N, C-alpha and C. Protein backbone atom coordinates (compact mmCIF):
# COMPACT_ATOMS: atom_id res chain seq x y z
N UNK A 1 -21.95 -86.13 -21.21
CA UNK A 1 -22.28 -87.04 -20.17
C UNK A 1 -22.13 -86.31 -18.87
N UNK A 2 -23.21 -86.49 -17.99
CA UNK A 2 -23.11 -85.84 -16.76
C UNK A 2 -22.01 -86.35 -15.77
N UNK A 3 -21.51 -85.51 -15.06
CA UNK A 3 -20.43 -85.95 -14.09
C UNK A 3 -20.95 -85.45 -12.70
N UNK A 4 -20.34 -85.95 -11.62
CA UNK A 4 -20.77 -85.54 -10.26
C UNK A 4 -19.51 -84.95 -9.56
N UNK A 5 -19.74 -83.88 -8.94
CA UNK A 5 -18.73 -83.21 -8.06
C UNK A 5 -19.10 -83.37 -6.60
N UNK A 6 -18.21 -83.88 -5.71
CA UNK A 6 -18.38 -83.85 -4.32
C UNK A 6 -17.33 -83.01 -3.80
N UNK A 7 -17.70 -82.07 -2.91
CA UNK A 7 -16.80 -81.03 -2.39
C UNK A 7 -17.07 -81.00 -0.79
N UNK A 8 -15.94 -81.15 -0.10
CA UNK A 8 -16.02 -81.05 1.38
C UNK A 8 -15.74 -79.59 1.78
N UNK A 9 -16.68 -79.04 2.53
CA UNK A 9 -16.63 -77.65 2.84
C UNK A 9 -15.62 -77.34 3.95
N UNK A 10 -15.32 -76.06 4.10
CA UNK A 10 -14.39 -75.68 5.31
C UNK A 10 -15.00 -74.33 5.83
N UNK A 11 -15.11 -74.32 7.10
CA UNK A 11 -15.49 -73.14 7.85
C UNK A 11 -17.05 -72.82 7.89
N UNK A 12 -17.89 -73.74 7.52
CA UNK A 12 -19.32 -73.56 7.48
C UNK A 12 -20.09 -74.72 8.12
N UNK A 13 -21.31 -74.52 8.32
CA UNK A 13 -22.13 -75.55 9.03
C UNK A 13 -22.38 -76.82 8.15
N UNK A 14 -22.52 -76.64 6.81
CA UNK A 14 -22.67 -77.82 5.91
C UNK A 14 -21.30 -78.43 5.85
N UNK A 15 -21.30 -79.76 5.71
CA UNK A 15 -20.10 -80.54 5.59
C UNK A 15 -19.64 -80.96 4.19
N UNK A 16 -20.70 -81.08 3.39
CA UNK A 16 -20.42 -81.54 2.03
C UNK A 16 -21.39 -80.97 1.09
N UNK A 17 -20.92 -80.70 -0.14
CA UNK A 17 -21.76 -80.20 -1.29
C UNK A 17 -21.60 -81.23 -2.36
N UNK A 18 -22.69 -81.62 -3.05
CA UNK A 18 -22.58 -82.51 -4.14
C UNK A 18 -23.62 -82.12 -5.29
N UNK A 19 -23.07 -82.11 -6.46
CA UNK A 19 -23.98 -81.77 -7.54
C UNK A 19 -23.55 -82.42 -8.85
N UNK A 20 -24.38 -82.54 -9.74
CA UNK A 20 -24.16 -83.07 -11.11
C UNK A 20 -23.89 -81.79 -12.06
N UNK A 21 -23.10 -82.09 -13.11
CA UNK A 21 -22.87 -81.00 -14.04
C UNK A 21 -22.58 -81.62 -15.42
N UNK A 22 -23.08 -80.81 -16.46
CA UNK A 22 -22.97 -81.21 -17.83
C UNK A 22 -23.06 -79.89 -18.80
N UNK A 23 -22.07 -79.78 -19.60
CA UNK A 23 -22.04 -78.58 -20.47
C UNK A 23 -22.11 -77.28 -19.75
N UNK A 24 -21.39 -77.15 -18.61
CA UNK A 24 -21.39 -75.93 -17.91
C UNK A 24 -22.65 -75.64 -17.12
N UNK A 25 -23.49 -76.53 -16.98
CA UNK A 25 -24.77 -76.37 -16.19
C UNK A 25 -24.84 -77.25 -15.05
N UNK A 26 -25.57 -76.76 -13.88
CA UNK A 26 -25.52 -77.47 -12.75
C UNK A 26 -26.94 -78.24 -12.52
N UNK A 27 -26.90 -79.41 -11.91
CA UNK A 27 -28.13 -80.15 -11.67
C UNK A 27 -28.03 -80.86 -10.35
N UNK A 28 -29.12 -81.12 -9.67
CA UNK A 28 -29.21 -81.96 -8.44
C UNK A 28 -28.34 -81.55 -7.33
N UNK A 29 -28.22 -80.27 -7.02
CA UNK A 29 -27.43 -79.68 -5.93
C UNK A 29 -27.93 -80.09 -4.64
N UNK A 30 -27.03 -80.61 -3.74
CA UNK A 30 -27.42 -81.09 -2.39
C UNK A 30 -26.39 -80.66 -1.42
N UNK A 31 -26.66 -80.07 -0.37
CA UNK A 31 -25.84 -79.79 0.78
C UNK A 31 -26.13 -80.73 1.90
N UNK A 32 -25.04 -81.29 2.50
CA UNK A 32 -25.14 -82.10 3.65
C UNK A 32 -24.86 -81.29 4.97
N UNK A 33 -25.94 -81.11 5.74
CA UNK A 33 -25.80 -80.25 6.89
C UNK A 33 -26.16 -78.72 6.58
N UNK A 34 -26.04 -77.97 7.55
CA UNK A 34 -26.37 -76.53 7.28
C UNK A 34 -27.81 -76.21 7.49
N UNK A 35 -28.27 -75.03 6.98
CA UNK A 35 -29.64 -74.52 7.12
C UNK A 35 -30.52 -75.11 6.00
N UNK A 36 -31.20 -76.17 6.32
CA UNK A 36 -32.01 -76.84 5.30
C UNK A 36 -32.85 -76.02 4.34
N UNK A 37 -33.66 -75.13 4.84
CA UNK A 37 -34.54 -74.47 3.97
C UNK A 37 -33.79 -73.51 3.13
N UNK A 38 -32.84 -72.80 3.49
CA UNK A 38 -32.02 -71.90 2.68
C UNK A 38 -31.23 -72.68 1.59
N UNK A 39 -30.63 -73.81 2.09
CA UNK A 39 -29.86 -74.56 1.11
C UNK A 39 -30.65 -75.35 0.06
N UNK A 40 -31.84 -75.74 0.48
CA UNK A 40 -32.70 -76.32 -0.56
C UNK A 40 -33.13 -75.30 -1.58
N UNK A 41 -33.41 -74.10 -1.14
CA UNK A 41 -33.72 -72.97 -1.99
C UNK A 41 -32.60 -72.68 -3.01
N UNK A 42 -31.36 -72.66 -2.47
CA UNK A 42 -30.26 -72.42 -3.42
C UNK A 42 -30.11 -73.51 -4.47
N UNK A 43 -30.38 -74.75 -4.05
CA UNK A 43 -30.49 -75.90 -4.96
C UNK A 43 -31.46 -75.63 -6.03
N UNK A 44 -32.76 -75.18 -5.71
CA UNK A 44 -33.71 -74.91 -6.71
C UNK A 44 -33.24 -73.79 -7.61
N UNK A 45 -32.69 -72.75 -7.05
CA UNK A 45 -32.31 -71.66 -7.90
C UNK A 45 -31.16 -71.94 -8.87
N UNK A 46 -30.33 -72.95 -8.52
CA UNK A 46 -29.18 -73.27 -9.33
C UNK A 46 -29.53 -74.39 -10.35
N UNK A 47 -30.62 -74.95 -10.23
CA UNK A 47 -30.97 -76.12 -11.26
C UNK A 47 -30.98 -75.67 -12.68
N UNK A 48 -30.12 -76.36 -13.43
CA UNK A 48 -30.05 -76.12 -14.93
C UNK A 48 -29.37 -74.78 -15.29
N UNK A 49 -28.80 -74.02 -14.36
CA UNK A 49 -28.15 -72.73 -14.62
C UNK A 49 -26.66 -72.91 -14.95
N UNK A 50 -26.17 -71.88 -15.56
CA UNK A 50 -24.81 -71.79 -15.87
C UNK A 50 -23.92 -71.75 -14.61
N UNK A 51 -22.84 -72.56 -14.60
CA UNK A 51 -22.09 -72.71 -13.33
C UNK A 51 -21.26 -71.45 -13.08
N UNK A 52 -20.70 -70.94 -14.14
CA UNK A 52 -19.84 -69.67 -13.97
C UNK A 52 -20.68 -68.47 -13.41
N UNK A 53 -21.91 -68.41 -14.02
CA UNK A 53 -22.81 -67.27 -13.56
C UNK A 53 -23.13 -67.54 -12.01
N UNK A 54 -23.39 -68.78 -11.55
CA UNK A 54 -23.61 -69.06 -10.21
C UNK A 54 -22.46 -68.73 -9.32
N UNK A 55 -21.29 -69.19 -9.73
CA UNK A 55 -20.00 -68.88 -8.91
C UNK A 55 -19.77 -67.42 -8.76
N UNK A 56 -19.92 -66.67 -9.84
CA UNK A 56 -19.74 -65.12 -9.88
C UNK A 56 -20.73 -64.51 -8.97
N UNK A 57 -21.94 -64.99 -8.88
CA UNK A 57 -22.97 -64.36 -8.08
C UNK A 57 -22.67 -64.72 -6.51
N UNK A 58 -22.36 -65.91 -6.17
CA UNK A 58 -22.16 -66.35 -4.85
C UNK A 58 -20.84 -66.15 -4.21
N UNK A 59 -19.81 -65.99 -5.02
CA UNK A 59 -18.39 -65.88 -4.47
C UNK A 59 -18.25 -64.68 -3.61
N UNK A 60 -17.71 -64.83 -2.40
CA UNK A 60 -17.52 -63.79 -1.45
C UNK A 60 -18.63 -63.59 -0.55
N UNK A 61 -19.87 -64.36 -0.64
CA UNK A 61 -20.88 -64.19 0.31
C UNK A 61 -20.44 -64.74 1.58
N UNK A 62 -20.70 -63.99 2.74
CA UNK A 62 -20.41 -64.44 4.05
C UNK A 62 -21.54 -64.89 4.92
N UNK A 63 -21.33 -65.46 6.04
CA UNK A 63 -22.39 -65.89 6.94
C UNK A 63 -22.05 -65.47 8.34
N UNK A 64 -22.82 -64.60 8.86
CA UNK A 64 -22.67 -64.11 10.26
C UNK A 64 -21.23 -63.53 10.46
N UNK A 65 -20.39 -63.99 11.32
CA UNK A 65 -19.10 -63.52 11.57
C UNK A 65 -18.06 -64.33 10.76
N UNK A 66 -18.40 -65.23 9.99
CA UNK A 66 -17.52 -66.07 9.20
C UNK A 66 -17.04 -65.40 8.03
N UNK A 67 -15.84 -65.71 7.51
CA UNK A 67 -15.37 -65.07 6.24
C UNK A 67 -15.80 -65.79 4.95
N UNK A 68 -16.65 -66.82 5.21
CA UNK A 68 -17.21 -67.70 4.12
C UNK A 68 -18.72 -67.99 4.33
N UNK A 69 -19.29 -68.70 3.49
CA UNK A 69 -20.66 -69.24 3.80
C UNK A 69 -20.75 -70.49 2.96
N UNK A 70 -21.99 -71.08 3.08
CA UNK A 70 -22.26 -72.29 2.29
C UNK A 70 -22.31 -71.88 0.82
N UNK A 71 -22.86 -70.73 0.46
CA UNK A 71 -22.89 -70.27 -0.91
C UNK A 71 -21.50 -69.91 -1.45
N UNK A 72 -20.57 -69.35 -0.66
CA UNK A 72 -19.25 -69.06 -1.05
C UNK A 72 -18.46 -70.41 -1.27
N UNK A 73 -18.74 -71.39 -0.41
CA UNK A 73 -18.14 -72.80 -0.59
C UNK A 73 -18.59 -73.41 -1.88
N UNK A 74 -19.93 -73.18 -2.19
CA UNK A 74 -20.46 -73.66 -3.44
C UNK A 74 -19.70 -73.02 -4.64
N UNK A 75 -19.39 -71.76 -4.63
CA UNK A 75 -18.65 -71.11 -5.68
C UNK A 75 -17.26 -71.71 -5.69
N UNK A 76 -16.72 -71.99 -4.66
CA UNK A 76 -15.27 -72.69 -4.61
C UNK A 76 -15.36 -74.04 -5.34
N UNK A 77 -16.46 -74.78 -5.02
CA UNK A 77 -16.62 -76.21 -5.61
C UNK A 77 -16.74 -75.95 -7.14
N UNK A 78 -17.54 -75.05 -7.52
CA UNK A 78 -17.79 -74.81 -8.98
C UNK A 78 -16.47 -74.50 -9.70
N UNK A 79 -15.69 -73.57 -9.03
CA UNK A 79 -14.44 -73.17 -9.70
C UNK A 79 -13.49 -74.30 -9.80
N UNK A 80 -13.47 -75.26 -8.88
CA UNK A 80 -12.61 -76.48 -9.03
C UNK A 80 -13.12 -77.24 -10.30
N UNK A 81 -14.39 -77.26 -10.59
CA UNK A 81 -14.79 -78.00 -11.83
C UNK A 81 -14.34 -77.30 -12.97
N UNK A 82 -14.46 -75.99 -13.03
CA UNK A 82 -14.23 -75.05 -14.19
C UNK A 82 -12.79 -74.86 -14.61
N UNK A 83 -11.88 -75.24 -13.71
CA UNK A 83 -10.52 -75.00 -13.92
C UNK A 83 -10.03 -75.67 -15.12
């Protein structure tokens, strides 16, 4: 059965990340705020993909002078689900 994760970001332009997941796969990823084009593209790239693979790929990605990014925050949200 699909479940939904809501994650409130820290240190980035987007304020919230929401996605559905089932059997280790991600669906319907949506970012609230942030860079719309880039974040929609991330959502398309993540659709139906393995969440651990996504987290490993995006973890540690930074944005400008920040020590995190929307992609890194997504990795954090995924790791909360996979704990």
